Amino acid sequence: MPRHLADEAACGFDPELHTGPDLFTTESAEERVARERVAREVCAECPVWASCLFYALDARPETGVWAGLTAEEIAGLAGGRDASAPSPREVA
């Protein structure tokens, strides 16, 4: 994430919330869903939400939650397909 976004982003307090655990830690599907739900809630209140979304659509991250969307949902949007994810603004 570009520094200008990272400095103002709400996710800065707990990056692992948005990226998931490191490679040496396992996360069950249930834990992942719960973590992503909380990450979406944080994104919904983020002051750089729109900039983060534009960055994610351009960068197409392989993991994590960006602007309230998972990497898979971002890939769907970036590819022109209709993603089934709710708007992060709808989550809060």
Protein backbone atom coordinates (compact mmCIF):
# COMPACT_ATOMS: atom_id res chain seq x y z
CA MET A 1 0.00 0.00 0.00
CA PRO A 2 1.37 3.43 -0.84
CA ARG A 3 2.67 5.34 2.16
CA HIS A 4 0.15 8.18 1.78
CA LEU A 5 -2.67 5.66 2.16
CA ALA A 6 -1.01 3.68 4.93
CA ASP A 7 -0.45 6.77 7.05
CA GLU A 8 -4.17 7.60 7.11
CA ALA A 9 -5.74 4.15 6.78
CA ALA A 10 -7.85 2.75 9.59
CA CYS A 11 -6.22 -0.66 9.15
CA GLY A 12 -2.83 0.63 10.28
CA PHE A 13 -3.54 -0.27 13.91
CA ASP A 14 -3.75 -4.00 13.11
CA PRO A 15 -2.50 -4.93 9.63
CA GLU A 16 -2.88 -8.66 10.32
CA LEU A 17 -6.62 -8.11 10.61
CA HIS A 18 -6.65 -7.27 6.91
CA THR A 19 -3.87 -9.53 5.65
CA GLY A 20 -4.42 -12.63 7.74
CA PRO A 21 -1.87 -14.54 9.76
CA ASP A 22 1.67 -15.17 8.60
CA LEU A 23 2.61 -18.24 6.59
CA PHE A 24 3.46 -20.24 9.70
CA THR A 25 0.08 -19.79 11.38
CA THR A 26 -3.01 -21.69 10.34
CA GLU A 27 -6.40 -20.05 10.14
CA SER A 28 -9.59 -22.06 9.87
CA ALA A 29 -12.25 -21.06 7.38
CA GLU A 30 -14.46 -19.96 10.27
CA GLU A 31 -11.67 -17.79 11.71
CA ARG A 32 -10.99 -16.27 8.28
CA VAL A 33 -14.65 -15.38 7.78
CA ALA A 34 -14.81 -13.76 11.23
CA ARG A 35 -11.56 -11.83 10.65
CA GLU A 36 -12.72 -10.61 7.24
CA ARG A 37 -16.06 -9.50 8.72
CA VAL A 38 -14.28 -7.32 11.28
CA ALA A 39 -11.88 -6.03 8.61
CA ARG A 40 -14.86 -4.99 6.46
CA GLU A 41 -16.31 -3.09 9.41
CA VAL A 42 -13.01 -1.23 9.89
CA CYS A 43 -12.89 -0.43 6.17
CA ALA A 44 -16.42 0.96 6.25
CA GLU A 45 -15.24 3.77 8.53
CA CYS A 46 -11.87 4.36 6.85
CA PRO A 47 -11.10 7.89 5.64
CA VAL A 48 -9.13 6.57 2.64
CA TRP A 49 -11.65 3.91 1.58
CA ALA A 50 -12.09 5.20 -1.99
CA SER A 51 -8.36 5.64 -2.57
CA CYS A 52 -7.75 2.16 -1.19
CA LEU A 53 -10.35 0.71 -3.56
CA PHE A 54 -8.79 2.40 -6.58
CA TYR A 55 -5.35 1.21 -5.49
CA ALA A 56 -6.58 -2.36 -5.01
CA LEU A 57 -8.31 -2.40 -8.40
CA ASP A 58 -5.05 -1.31 -9.98
CA ALA A 59 -2.68 -3.49 -7.92
CA ARG A 60 -4.95 -6.58 -7.80
CA PRO A 61 -3.66 -7.99 -4.51
CA GLU A 62 -3.57 -11.76 -4.11
CA THR A 63 -4.54 -11.77 -0.44
CA GLY A 64 -6.13 -9.62 2.21
CA VAL A 65 -9.06 -7.26 2.60
CA TRP A 66 -8.81 -3.97 0.74
CA ALA A 67 -11.51 -1.30 0.92
CA GLY A 68 -13.76 -3.91 2.49
CA LEU A 69 -13.33 -6.43 -0.32
CA THR A 70 -11.34 -9.66 -0.44
CA ALA A 71 -8.69 -10.19 -3.09
CA GLU A 72 -11.09 -12.53 -4.91
CA GLU A 73 -13.84 -9.91 -4.92
CA ILE A 74 -11.41 -7.28 -6.18
CA ALA A 75 -10.31 -9.60 -8.97
CA GLY A 76 -13.96 -10.00 -9.93
CA LEU A 77 -14.50 -6.26 -10.05
CA ALA A 78 -11.24 -5.59 -11.86
CA GLY A 79 -12.09 -8.27 -14.40
CA GLY A 80 -15.42 -6.66 -15.15
CA ARG A 81 -17.49 -9.36 -13.49
CA ASP A 82 -20.15 -8.53 -10.94
CA ALA A 83 -18.76 -9.34 -7.48
CA SER A 84 -21.30 -10.58 -4.96
CA ALA A 85 -19.71 -8.78 -2.02
CA PRO A 86 -21.68 -6.17 -0.16
CA SER A 87 -20.40 -2.64 -0.24
CA PRO A 88 -18.18 -2.01 2.79
CA ARG A 89 -20.41 0.96 3.55
CA GLU A 90 -23.36 -1.47 3.85
CA VAL A 91 -21.57 -3.61 6.46
CA ALA A 92 -21.38 -0.95 9.15
